[in-house]
Amino acid sequence: MLTAIAIDDEPRALEVVEMHASRVPFLDLKATFTDAFEAIPYLQQNKIDLLFLDIKMPDISGIEFIHILQKVPMVVFTTAYSEYAVKGFDLDAIDYLLKPFSLARFTKACNKALEISQLTKESTPEFVFLKTGYEEEKVFFDDILYIEAEGNYMSFILKNKKLLSRQNISETLNSLPPSQFVRIHRSYIVAINKIQKITRQAVWIAGNEISVGASYEDKLVEIREKLKS
């Protein structure tokens, strides 16, 4: 199932999107907006897979709107002006629907988005191999609570044990999915979904207080947004 919203300054255009969306079984159109700025808080507070976005709007263009978003979902541009097509695809849009578009054409765009979504999920690894001495041990991301730098080693604190692996914190961070882990200190990386409590200077995981470095305080905003999704 793909969750979606639609933004268009013309109510009639949104009605068409709603009508077509109701015929696509794997699409859940959560909300529609005639004012793009009203959609921003919704996008910040909800996990949306797909955005149907008009390009030519009075206060802000669809292309400008994409540039102000922190997290950009898959985008299908909808517009009556074919000259915007190239700009749309330059922004890696999934598809471009020229108004008036049929149910068949709308469904084709949705199918493309679904395929991309499924490929993305399939290509995301669920584990990492850690070098421990002369061996490599398979560790599932879901088993990692947090990671601490200890000299030339990284200490992986897991649900049921602790593993030491000889690598630096940058190498470790690059081996982890950014949607699941975040660095909050020069010595700490934490699993976002394992966080139990957040304050201005620390997070708690499995009853352990982990300090947030002064230069990483902005990461707390990112963590809170991901915990909401």
C-alpha atoms as a PDB file:
ATOM      1  CA  MET A   1       0.000   0.000   0.000  1.00  0.00           C
ATOM      2  CA  LEU A   2       1.229   3.484  -0.921  1.00  0.00           C
ATOM      3  CA  THR A   3       0.127   6.485   1.138  1.00  0.00           C
ATOM      4  CA  ALA A   4      -0.278   9.727  -0.804  1.00  0.00           C
ATOM      5  CA  ILE A   5      -1.430  13.329  -0.727  1.00  0.00           C
ATOM      6  CA  ALA A   6      -2.263  15.731  -3.560  1.00  0.00           C
ATOM      7  CA  ILE A   7      -1.588  19.466  -3.854  1.00  0.00           C
ATOM      8  CA  ASP A   8      -3.281  21.628  -6.502  1.00  0.00           C
ATOM      9  CA  ASP A   9      -4.714  25.140  -6.331  1.00  0.00           C
ATOM     10  CA  GLU A  10      -7.718  24.023  -8.426  1.00  0.00           C
ATOM     11  CA  PRO A  11     -10.359  22.113  -6.391  1.00  0.00           C
ATOM     12  CA  ARG A  12     -11.680  20.449  -9.553  1.00  0.00           C
ATOM     13  CA  ALA A  13      -8.222  19.020 -10.303  1.00  0.00           C
ATOM     14  CA  LEU A  14      -8.084  17.549  -6.798  1.00  0.00           C
ATOM     15  CA  GLU A  15     -11.497  15.963  -7.319  1.00  0.00           C
ATOM     16  CA  VAL A  16     -10.141  14.193 -10.397  1.00  0.00           C
ATOM     17  CA  VAL A  17      -7.137  12.885  -8.431  1.00  0.00           C
ATOM     18  CA  GLU A  18      -9.460  11.707  -5.637  1.00  0.00           C
ATOM     19  CA  MET A  19     -11.734   9.956  -8.123  1.00  0.00           C
ATOM     20  CA  HIS A  20      -8.849   8.184  -9.854  1.00  0.00           C
ATOM     21  CA  ALA A  21      -7.134   7.314  -6.558  1.00  0.00           C
ATOM     22  CA  SER A  22     -10.273   5.588  -5.313  1.00  0.00           C
ATOM     23  CA  ARG A  23      -9.954   3.146  -8.248  1.00  0.00           C
ATOM     24  CA  VAL A  24      -6.338   2.168  -7.529  1.00  0.00           C
ATOM     25  CA  PRO A  25      -6.424  -0.627  -4.915  1.00  0.00           C
ATOM     26  CA  PHE A  26      -2.907  -0.135  -3.554  1.00  0.00           C
ATOM     27  CA  LEU A  27      -3.167   3.668  -3.210  1.00  0.00           C
ATOM     28  CA  ASP A  28      -4.395   5.403  -0.054  1.00  0.00           C
ATOM     29  CA  LEU A  29      -4.941   9.121  -0.698  1.00  0.00           C
ATOM     30  CA  LYS A  30      -4.776  10.559   2.806  1.00  0.00           C
ATOM     31  CA  ALA A  31      -5.382  14.266   2.146  1.00  0.00           C
ATOM     32  CA  THR A  32      -5.643  16.994  -0.499  1.00  0.00           C
ATOM     33  CA  PHE A  33      -4.559  20.631  -0.303  1.00  0.00           C
ATOM     34  CA  THR A  34      -5.298  23.715  -2.395  1.00  0.00           C
ATOM     35  CA  ASP A  35      -2.626  25.642  -0.446  1.00  0.00           C
ATOM     36  CA  ALA A  36       0.853  24.104  -0.708  1.00  0.00           C
ATOM     37  CA  PHE A  37       2.000  25.755   2.528  1.00  0.00           C
ATOM     38  CA  GLU A  38      -0.777  24.036   4.470  1.00  0.00           C
ATOM     39  CA  ALA A  39       0.604  20.693   3.287  1.00  0.00           C
ATOM     40  CA  ILE A  40       4.040  21.251   4.852  1.00  0.00           C
ATOM     41  CA  PRO A  41       3.046  20.477   8.489  1.00  0.00           C
ATOM     42  CA  TYR A  42       1.173  17.400   7.272  1.00  0.00           C
ATOM     43  CA  LEU A  43       4.253  16.124   5.433  1.00  0.00           C
ATOM     44  CA  GLN A  44       6.401  16.787   8.501  1.00  0.00           C
ATOM     45  CA  GLN A  45       4.098  14.843  10.824  1.00  0.00           C
ATOM     46  CA  ASN A  46       3.043  11.940   8.598  1.00  0.00           C
ATOM     47  CA  LYS A  47       4.835   9.307   6.543  1.00  0.00           C
ATOM     48  CA  ILE A  48       3.824   9.815   2.913  1.00  0.00           C
ATOM     49  CA  ASP A  49       5.136   7.668   0.072  1.00  0.00           C
ATOM     50  CA  LEU A  50       3.795   9.597  -2.913  1.00  0.00           C
ATOM     51  CA  LEU A  51       2.973  13.230  -3.655  1.00  0.00           C
ATOM     52  CA  PHE A  52       0.767  14.355  -6.561  1.00  0.00           C
ATOM     53  CA  LEU A  53       1.883  17.931  -7.116  1.00  0.00           C
ATOM     54  CA  ASP A  54       0.697  20.660  -9.459  1.00  0.00           C
ATOM     55  CA  ILE A  55       3.564  22.692 -10.884  1.00  0.00           C
ATOM     56  CA  LYS A  56       1.964  26.062 -11.644  1.00  0.00           C
ATOM     57  CA  MET A  57       0.376  27.461  -8.489  1.00  0.00           C
ATOM     58  CA  PRO A  58      -0.120  31.125  -7.483  1.00  0.00           C
ATOM     59  CA  ASP A  59       2.032  31.457  -4.341  1.00  0.00           C
ATOM     60  CA  ILE A  60       4.719  28.858  -4.997  1.00  0.00           C
ATOM     61  CA  SER A  61       5.456  26.549  -7.895  1.00  0.00           C
ATOM     62  CA  GLY A  62       5.574  22.807  -7.412  1.00  0.00           C
ATOM     63  CA  ILE A  63       9.255  22.846  -8.295  1.00  0.00           C
ATOM     64  CA  GLU A  64       9.965  25.506  -5.647  1.00  0.00           C
ATOM     65  CA  PHE A  65       7.891  23.550  -3.159  1.00  0.00           C
ATOM     66  CA  ILE A  66      10.044  20.438  -3.594  1.00  0.00           C
ATOM     67  CA  HIS A  67      13.160  22.476  -2.804  1.00  0.00           C
ATOM     68  CA  ILE A  68      11.847  23.628   0.594  1.00  0.00           C
ATOM     69  CA  LEU A  69      10.961  20.155   1.862  1.00  0.00           C
ATOM     70  CA  GLN A  70      13.381  18.428   4.247  1.00  0.00           C
ATOM     71  CA  LYS A  71      12.168  14.955   3.300  1.00  0.00           C
ATOM     72  CA  VAL A  72      10.873  14.536  -0.239  1.00  0.00           C
ATOM     73  CA  PRO A  73       8.566  11.596  -1.021  1.00  0.00           C
ATOM     74  CA  MET A  74       8.205  10.178  -4.523  1.00  0.00           C
ATOM     75  CA  VAL A  75       6.639  12.869  -6.724  1.00  0.00           C
ATOM     76  CA  VAL A  76       4.229  12.746  -9.637  1.00  0.00           C
ATOM     77  CA  PHE A  77       3.829  16.202 -11.170  1.00  0.00           C
ATOM     78  CA  THR A  78       0.407  17.172 -12.524  1.00  0.00           C
ATOM     79  CA  THR A  79       0.018  20.211 -14.765  1.00  0.00           C
ATOM     80  CA  ALA A  80      -1.711  21.599 -17.835  1.00  0.00           C
ATOM     81  CA  TYR A  81       1.578  22.991 -19.152  1.00  0.00           C
ATOM     82  CA  SER A  82       3.748  20.516 -21.058  1.00  0.00           C
ATOM     83  CA  GLU A  83       6.745  22.878 -21.103  1.00  0.00           C
ATOM     84  CA  TYR A  84       7.382  22.043 -17.427  1.00  0.00           C
ATOM     85  CA  ALA A  85       7.965  18.355 -18.130  1.00  0.00           C
ATOM     86  CA  VAL A  86      11.745  18.569 -18.474  1.00  0.00           C
ATOM     87  CA  LYS A  87      12.085  20.522 -15.214  1.00  0.00           C
ATOM     88  CA  GLY A  88       9.934  17.927 -13.497  1.00  0.00           C
ATOM     89  CA  PHE A  89      12.080  15.014 -14.588  1.00  0.00           C
ATOM     90  CA  ASP A  90      15.243  16.943 -13.698  1.00  0.00           C
ATOM     91  CA  LEU A  91      14.012  16.690 -10.092  1.00  0.00           C
ATOM     92  CA  ASP A  92      13.779  12.892 -10.390  1.00  0.00           C
ATOM     93  CA  ALA A  93      10.003  12.910 -10.463  1.00  0.00           C
ATOM     94  CA  ILE A  94       8.418   9.470 -10.788  1.00  0.00           C
ATOM     95  CA  ASP A  95       6.139  10.647 -13.579  1.00  0.00           C
ATOM     96  CA  TYR A  96       4.549  13.651 -15.224  1.00  0.00           C
ATOM     97  CA  LEU A  97       0.777  13.780 -15.816  1.00  0.00           C
ATOM     98  CA  LEU A  98      -0.490  16.274 -18.365  1.00  0.00           C
ATOM     99  CA  LYS A  99      -4.016  17.491 -17.570  1.00  0.00           C
ATOM    100  CA  PRO A 100      -6.584  16.241 -18.329  1.00  0.00           C
ATOM    101  CA  PHE A 101      -5.267  12.735 -17.649  1.00  0.00           C
ATOM    102  CA  SER A 102      -7.223   9.494 -17.807  1.00  0.00           C
ATOM    103  CA  LEU A 103      -7.601   6.817 -15.137  1.00  0.00           C
ATOM    104  CA  ALA A 104      -5.372   4.546 -17.219  1.00  0.00           C
ATOM    105  CA  ARG A 105      -2.578   7.146 -17.350  1.00  0.00           C
ATOM    106  CA  PHE A 106      -2.968   7.897 -13.638  1.00  0.00           C
ATOM    107  CA  THR A 107      -2.784   4.190 -12.797  1.00  0.00           C
ATOM    108  CA  LYS A 108       0.357   3.798 -14.895  1.00  0.00           C
ATOM    109  CA  ALA A 109       2.066   6.497 -12.794  1.00  0.00           C
ATOM    110  CA  CYS A 110       0.932   4.782  -9.585  1.00  0.00           C
ATOM    111  CA  ASN A 111       2.236   1.418 -10.798  1.00  0.00           C
ATOM    112  CA  LYS A 112       5.609   2.996 -11.494  1.00  0.00           C
ATOM    113  CA  ALA A 113       5.708   4.426  -7.964  1.00  0.00           C
ATOM    114  CA  LEU A 114       4.779   1.045  -6.470  1.00  0.00           C
ATOM    115  CA  GLU A 115       7.553  -0.718  -8.405  1.00  0.00           C
ATOM    116  CA  ILE A 116      10.135   1.811  -7.231  1.00  0.00           C
ATOM    117  CA  SER A 117       8.914   1.505  -3.643  1.00  0.00           C
ATOM    118  CA  GLN A 118       9.171  -2.297  -3.726  1.00  0.00           C
ATOM    119  CA  LEU A 119      12.628  -2.216  -5.317  1.00  0.00           C
ATOM    120  CA  THR A 120      13.848   0.200  -2.654  1.00  0.00           C
ATOM    121  CA  LYS A 121      12.615  -2.079   0.138  1.00  0.00           C
ATOM    122  CA  GLU A 122      14.134  -5.168  -1.480  1.00  0.00           C
ATOM    123  CA  SER A 123      17.528  -3.499  -1.912  1.00  0.00           C
ATOM    124  CA  THR A 124      17.785  -2.423   1.726  1.00  0.00           C
ATOM    125  CA  PRO A 125      19.985  -4.880   3.680  1.00  0.00           C
ATOM    126  CA  GLU A 126      18.832  -6.087   7.100  1.00  0.00           C
ATOM    127  CA  PHE A 127      22.257  -6.923   8.509  1.00  0.00           C
ATOM    128  CA  VAL A 128      25.954  -6.142   8.484  1.00  0.00           C
ATOM    129  CA  PHE A 129      29.004  -8.398   8.854  1.00  0.00           C
ATOM    130  CA  LEU A 130      31.298  -7.219  11.658  1.00  0.00           C
ATOM    131  CA  LYS A 131      34.961  -8.137  11.740  1.00  0.00           C
ATOM    132  CA  THR A 132      35.733  -9.464  15.202  1.00  0.00           C
ATOM    133  CA  GLY A 133      39.322 -10.679  15.383  1.00  0.00           C
ATOM    134  CA  TYR A 134      39.889 -13.161  12.555  1.00  0.00           C
ATOM    135  CA  GLU A 135      36.175 -13.795  12.067  1.00  0.00           C
ATOM    136  CA  GLU A 136      33.207 -11.927  10.674  1.00  0.00           C
ATOM    137  CA  GLU A 137      29.930 -12.091  12.539  1.00  0.00           C
ATOM    138  CA  LYS A 138      26.525 -11.407  11.015  1.00  0.00           C
ATOM    139  CA  VAL A 139      24.608  -8.798  13.034  1.00  0.00           C
ATOM    140  CA  PHE A 140      21.038  -7.793  12.277  1.00  0.00           C
ATOM    141  CA  PHE A 141      20.382  -4.063  12.422  1.00  0.00           C
ATOM    142  CA  ASP A 142      17.333  -4.669  14.612  1.00  0.00           C
ATOM    143  CA  ASP A 143      19.573  -6.228  17.294  1.00  0.00           C
ATOM    144  CA  ILE A 144      21.770  -3.130  17.630  1.00  0.00           C
ATOM    145  CA  LEU A 145      20.887  -0.765  20.499  1.00  0.00           C
ATOM    146  CA  TYR A 146      23.750   1.710  20.142  1.00  0.00           C
ATOM    147  CA  ILE A 147      27.423   1.882  19.181  1.00  0.00           C
ATOM    148  CA  GLU A 148      30.294   3.501  21.079  1.00  0.00           C
ATOM    149  CA  ALA A 149      33.770   4.429  19.858  1.00  0.00           C
ATOM    150  CA  GLU A 150      36.515   2.936  22.021  1.00  0.00           C
ATOM    151  CA  GLY A 151      39.958   3.902  20.728  1.00  0.00           C
ATOM    152  CA  ASN A 152      40.570   2.062  17.452  1.00  0.00           C
ATOM    153  CA  TYR A 153      37.485  -0.093  17.980  1.00  0.00           C
ATOM    154  CA  MET A 154      33.731   0.311  17.831  1.00  0.00           C
ATOM    155  CA  SER A 155      31.718  -1.334  20.572  1.00  0.00           C
ATOM    156  CA  PHE A 156      28.380  -2.635  19.288  1.00  0.00           C
ATOM    157  CA  ILE A 157      25.890  -2.890  22.132  1.00  0.00           C
ATOM    158  CA  LEU A 158      23.354  -5.508  21.098  1.00  0.00           C
ATOM    159  CA  LYS A 159      20.199  -6.816  22.759  1.00  0.00           C
ATOM    160  CA  ASN A 160      22.002  -9.755  24.338  1.00  0.00           C
ATOM    161  CA  LYS A 161      25.744  -9.089  24.070  1.00  0.00           C
ATOM    162  CA  LYS A 162      28.548  -6.674  23.168  1.00  0.00           C
ATOM    163  CA  LEU A 163      30.849  -6.958  20.119  1.00  0.00           C
ATOM    164  CA  LEU A 164      34.123  -5.135  19.424  1.00  0.00           C
ATOM    165  CA  SER A 165      35.028  -4.454  15.800  1.00  0.00           C
ATOM    166  CA  ARG A 166      38.190  -2.716  14.595  1.00  0.00           C
ATOM    167  CA  GLN A 167      36.918   0.250  12.528  1.00  0.00           C
ATOM    168  CA  ASN A 168      36.375   3.967  12.956  1.00  0.00           C
ATOM    169  CA  ILE A 169      33.088   5.749  13.527  1.00  0.00           C
ATOM    170  CA  SER A 170      32.847   7.072   9.949  1.00  0.00           C
ATOM    171  CA  GLU A 171      33.235   3.558   8.509  1.00  0.00           C
ATOM    172  CA  THR A 172      30.617   2.310  10.937  1.00  0.00           C
ATOM    173  CA  LEU A 173      28.122   5.045  10.077  1.00  0.00           C
ATOM    174  CA  ASN A 174      28.537   4.374   6.348  1.00  0.00           C
ATOM    175  CA  SER A 175      27.691   0.692   6.878  1.00  0.00           C
ATOM    176  CA  LEU A 176      24.380   1.472   8.591  1.00  0.00           C
ATOM    177  CA  PRO A 177      21.056   2.544   7.031  1.00  0.00           C
ATOM    178  CA  PRO A 178      20.603   6.290   7.749  1.00  0.00           C
ATOM    179  CA  SER A 179      16.862   5.800   8.206  1.00  0.00           C
ATOM    180  CA  GLN A 180      17.571   3.617  11.271  1.00  0.00           C
ATOM    181  CA  PHE A 181      20.717   5.048  12.863  1.00  0.00           C
ATOM    182  CA  VAL A 182      21.998   8.512  13.676  1.00  0.00           C
ATOM    183  CA  ARG A 183      25.193   9.892  15.183  1.00  0.00           C
ATOM    184  CA  ILE A 184      24.492  12.032  18.261  1.00  0.00           C
ATOM    185  CA  HIS A 185      28.010  12.475  19.658  1.00  0.00           C
ATOM    186  CA  ARG A 186      31.596  12.189  18.458  1.00  0.00           C
ATOM    187  CA  SER A 187      31.627   8.767  20.166  1.00  0.00           C
ATOM    188  CA  TYR A 188      28.048   7.506  19.824  1.00  0.00           C
ATOM    189  CA  ILE A 189      25.689   6.205  17.134  1.00  0.00           C
ATOM    190  CA  VAL A 190      22.201   5.174  18.251  1.00  0.00           C
ATOM    191  CA  ALA A 191      19.398   3.044  16.826  1.00  0.00           C
ATOM    192  CA  ILE A 192      16.509   5.475  16.450  1.00  0.00           C
ATOM    193  CA  ASN A 193      13.727   2.979  17.139  1.00  0.00           C
ATOM    194  CA  LYS A 194      15.406   1.833  20.370  1.00  0.00           C
ATOM    195  CA  ILE A 195      15.270   5.283  21.990  1.00  0.00           C
ATOM    196  CA  GLN A 196      13.055   5.322  25.110  1.00  0.00           C
ATOM    197  CA  LYS A 197      13.396   8.960  26.167  1.00  0.00           C
ATOM    198  CA  ILE A 198      14.839  12.211  24.777  1.00  0.00           C
ATOM    199  CA  THR A 199      15.976  15.347  26.619  1.00  0.00           C
ATOM    200  CA  ARG A 200      17.967  18.347  25.417  1.00  0.00           C
ATOM    201  CA  GLN A 201      21.318  16.763  26.340  1.00  0.00           C
ATOM    202  CA  ALA A 202      20.752  13.004  26.203  1.00  0.00           C
ATOM    203  CA  VAL A 203      18.764  10.026  24.974  1.00  0.00           C
ATOM    204  CA  TRP A 204      17.974   6.817  26.867  1.00  0.00           C
ATOM    205  CA  ILE A 205      18.261   3.321  25.392  1.00  0.00           C
ATOM    206  CA  ALA A 206      17.714   0.141  27.436  1.00  0.00           C
ATOM    207  CA  GLY A 207      17.993   2.238  30.581  1.00  0.00           C
ATOM    208  CA  ASN A 208      21.363   3.735  29.567  1.00  0.00           C
ATOM    209  CA  GLU A 209      21.815   7.496  29.331  1.00  0.00           C
ATOM    210  CA  ILE A 210      23.739   8.501  26.194  1.00  0.00           C
ATOM    211  CA  SER A 211      24.975  12.083  25.891  1.00  0.00           C
ATOM    212  CA  VAL A 212      24.160  14.241  22.878  1.00  0.00           C
ATOM    213  CA  GLY A 213      27.141  16.315  21.732  1.00  0.00           C
ATOM    214  CA  ALA A 214      26.663  20.072  21.461  1.00  0.00           C
ATOM    215  CA  SER A 215      27.343  20.011  17.714  1.00  0.00           C
ATOM    216  CA  TYR A 216      24.762  17.232  17.226  1.00  0.00           C
ATOM    217  CA  GLU A 217      21.794  18.834  18.990  1.00  0.00           C
ATOM    218  CA  ASP A 218      20.072  19.472  15.640  1.00  0.00           C
ATOM    219  CA  LYS A 219      19.924  15.683  15.217  1.00  0.00           C
ATOM    220  CA  LEU A 220      17.311  15.555  17.981  1.00  0.00           C
ATOM    221  CA  VAL A 221      14.830  17.221  15.625  1.00  0.00           C
ATOM    222  CA  GLU A 222      15.579  14.563  13.004  1.00  0.00           C
ATOM    223  CA  ILE A 223      15.146  11.819  15.594  1.00  0.00           C
ATOM    224  CA  ARG A 224      11.783  13.144  16.767  1.00  0.00           C
ATOM    225  CA  GLU A 225      10.492  13.319  13.169  1.00  0.00           C
ATOM    226  CA  LYS A 226      11.577   9.740  12.454  1.00  0.00           C
ATOM    227  CA  LEU A 227      10.013   8.462  15.668  1.00  0.00           C
ATOM    228  CA  LYS A 228       6.694   9.996  14.580  1.00  0.00           C
ATOM    229  CA  SER A 229       6.737   8.222  11.206  1.00  0.00           C
END
